[in-house]
Amino acid sequence: QVQLVESGGGTVQAGGSLRLSCVASGNIFGIRSMAWYRQSPGEQRELVATITTGGSTTYTDSVKGRFTISTDNAKKALYLQMTSLKSEDTAVYYCNVQIILNPYNYWGRGTQVTVSS
């Protein structure tokens, strides 16, 4: 059974940095891409960054130049390095793995990031 477990969240002052990690247990086949999403109270879940198996990355405009998504295949890990954090980055951050077969998506349970101004 596949599980994704996020860690690294916490409370940080504006301008600070955090590094989120997501580690997968179990074997995942047919990976299409991996991503970080976030959700603030009362808001829709938002795609923050993606990385394909080929290493191509995309970011939502609000985090470009501040966040970096990366993977370590040997550790079955996905990372999100966040710098120059702003209060609007406050959210629960979720790890996602998209695969080509059913169930098509795996999700972690999320890790809270709070940026105080």
Protein backbone atom coordinates (compact mmCIF):
# COMPACT_ATOMS: atom_id res chain seq x y z
CA GLN A 1 0.00 0.00 0.00
CA VAL A 2 1.34 3.39 -1.00
CA GLN A 3 1.56 6.17 1.55
CA LEU A 4 2.92 9.68 1.20
CA VAL A 5 4.07 11.38 4.38
CA GLU A 6 4.91 15.09 4.46
CA SER A 7 7.13 16.78 7.02
CA GLY A 8 9.00 20.02 7.52
CA GLY A 9 6.10 22.37 8.09
CA GLY A 10 6.01 24.81 10.95
CA THR A 11 5.81 28.46 11.89
CA VAL A 12 8.31 30.90 10.48
CA GLN A 13 8.59 34.67 10.28
CA ALA A 14 8.05 36.46 7.00
CA GLY A 15 11.23 36.37 4.96
CA GLY A 16 12.25 33.03 6.40
CA SER A 17 12.69 29.63 4.81
CA LEU A 18 11.34 26.12 5.19
CA ARG A 19 12.03 22.85 3.42
CA LEU A 20 9.13 20.46 3.02
CA SER A 21 9.73 16.76 2.47
CA CYS A 22 7.43 14.01 1.22
CA VAL A 23 8.53 10.41 1.50
CA ALA A 24 6.74 7.55 -0.21
CA SER A 25 6.36 4.11 1.27
CA GLY A 26 5.48 1.22 -0.98
CA ASN A 27 6.17 0.95 -4.69
CA ILE A 28 4.67 3.45 -7.10
CA PHE A 29 4.53 2.47 -10.76
CA GLY A 30 3.82 4.59 -13.80
CA ILE A 31 4.60 7.97 -12.31
CA ARG A 32 3.61 10.81 -14.57
CA SER A 33 4.51 13.73 -12.32
CA MET A 34 4.82 14.84 -8.72
CA ALA A 35 3.59 18.05 -7.20
CA TRP A 36 2.99 20.20 -4.18
CA TYR A 37 -0.42 21.72 -3.57
CA ARG A 38 -1.58 24.01 -0.81
CA GLN A 39 -4.89 24.96 0.71
CA SER A 40 -5.77 27.87 2.94
CA PRO A 41 -8.96 27.95 5.05
CA GLY A 42 -11.96 28.71 2.87
CA GLU A 43 -9.93 28.48 -0.32
CA GLN A 44 -9.63 25.92 -3.12
CA ARG A 45 -6.62 23.64 -3.16
CA GLU A 46 -3.98 25.32 -5.29
CA LEU A 47 -1.23 23.76 -7.40
CA VAL A 48 2.08 25.23 -6.23
CA ALA A 49 4.76 23.35 -8.16
CA THR A 50 5.17 20.27 -10.32
CA ILE A 51 8.07 18.14 -11.48
CA THR A 52 7.92 15.50 -14.19
CA THR A 53 9.89 12.29 -14.31
CA GLY A 54 12.08 14.04 -16.85
CA GLY A 55 12.88 16.78 -14.37
CA SER A 56 10.84 19.58 -15.90
CA THR A 57 9.41 21.94 -13.33
CA THR A 58 6.57 24.44 -13.27
CA TYR A 59 5.49 26.90 -10.59
CA THR A 60 2.49 29.01 -9.90
CA ASP A 61 3.33 32.66 -10.51
CA SER A 62 3.17 33.69 -6.88
CA VAL A 63 6.06 31.40 -5.86
CA LYS A 64 8.34 31.69 -8.90
CA GLY A 65 11.86 32.59 -7.86
CA ARG A 66 11.14 31.73 -4.22
CA PHE A 67 10.22 28.02 -4.20
CA THR A 68 12.13 25.09 -5.68
CA ILE A 69 10.72 21.60 -6.19
CA SER A 70 13.07 18.63 -6.40
CA THR A 71 13.20 14.87 -5.99
CA ASP A 72 15.55 12.20 -4.71
CA ASN A 73 14.55 8.99 -6.43
CA ALA A 74 16.84 6.84 -4.30
CA LYS A 75 15.05 8.05 -1.17
CA LYS A 76 11.63 8.08 -2.87
CA ALA A 77 11.37 11.67 -1.71
CA LEU A 78 9.91 14.91 -3.00
CA TYR A 79 11.02 18.27 -1.64
CA LEU A 80 9.87 21.87 -1.69
CA GLN A 81 12.44 24.47 -0.69
CA MET A 82 10.62 27.65 0.24
CA THR A 83 12.45 30.94 0.71
CA SER A 84 11.41 34.56 1.23
CA LEU A 85 8.19 33.30 2.74
CA LYS A 86 5.20 35.63 2.90
CA SER A 87 2.10 35.60 5.05
CA GLU A 88 0.07 34.59 1.99
CA ASP A 89 2.07 31.36 1.80
CA THR A 90 0.33 30.22 4.97
CA ALA A 91 -1.54 27.01 4.16
CA VAL A 92 -1.59 23.27 4.52
CA TYR A 93 0.81 21.84 1.94
CA TYR A 94 0.05 18.51 0.30
CA CYS A 95 2.28 16.15 -1.62
CA ASN A 96 0.81 14.59 -4.77
CA VAL A 97 1.97 11.85 -7.11
CA GLN A 98 0.14 11.43 -10.40
CA ILE A 99 0.32 8.03 -12.08
CA ILE A 100 -0.93 6.70 -15.40
CA LEU A 101 -3.06 3.92 -13.86
CA ASN A 102 -5.94 3.78 -11.40
CA PRO A 103 -6.11 5.37 -8.79
CA TYR A 104 -4.27 8.03 -10.87
CA ASN A 105 -3.37 10.14 -7.81
CA TYR A 106 -1.83 9.60 -4.42
CA TRP A 107 -2.04 12.29 -1.74
CA GLY A 108 -0.32 12.91 1.54
CA ARG A 109 -2.20 14.17 4.58
CA GLY A 110 -0.57 17.57 4.53
CA THR A 111 1.77 19.65 6.64
CA GLN A 112 0.90 23.08 8.05
CA VAL A 113 3.00 26.07 7.09
CA THR A 114 2.35 29.29 8.98
CA VAL A 115 4.16 32.50 8.10
CA SER A 116 3.87 35.25 10.67
CA SER A 117 4.29 38.87 9.67
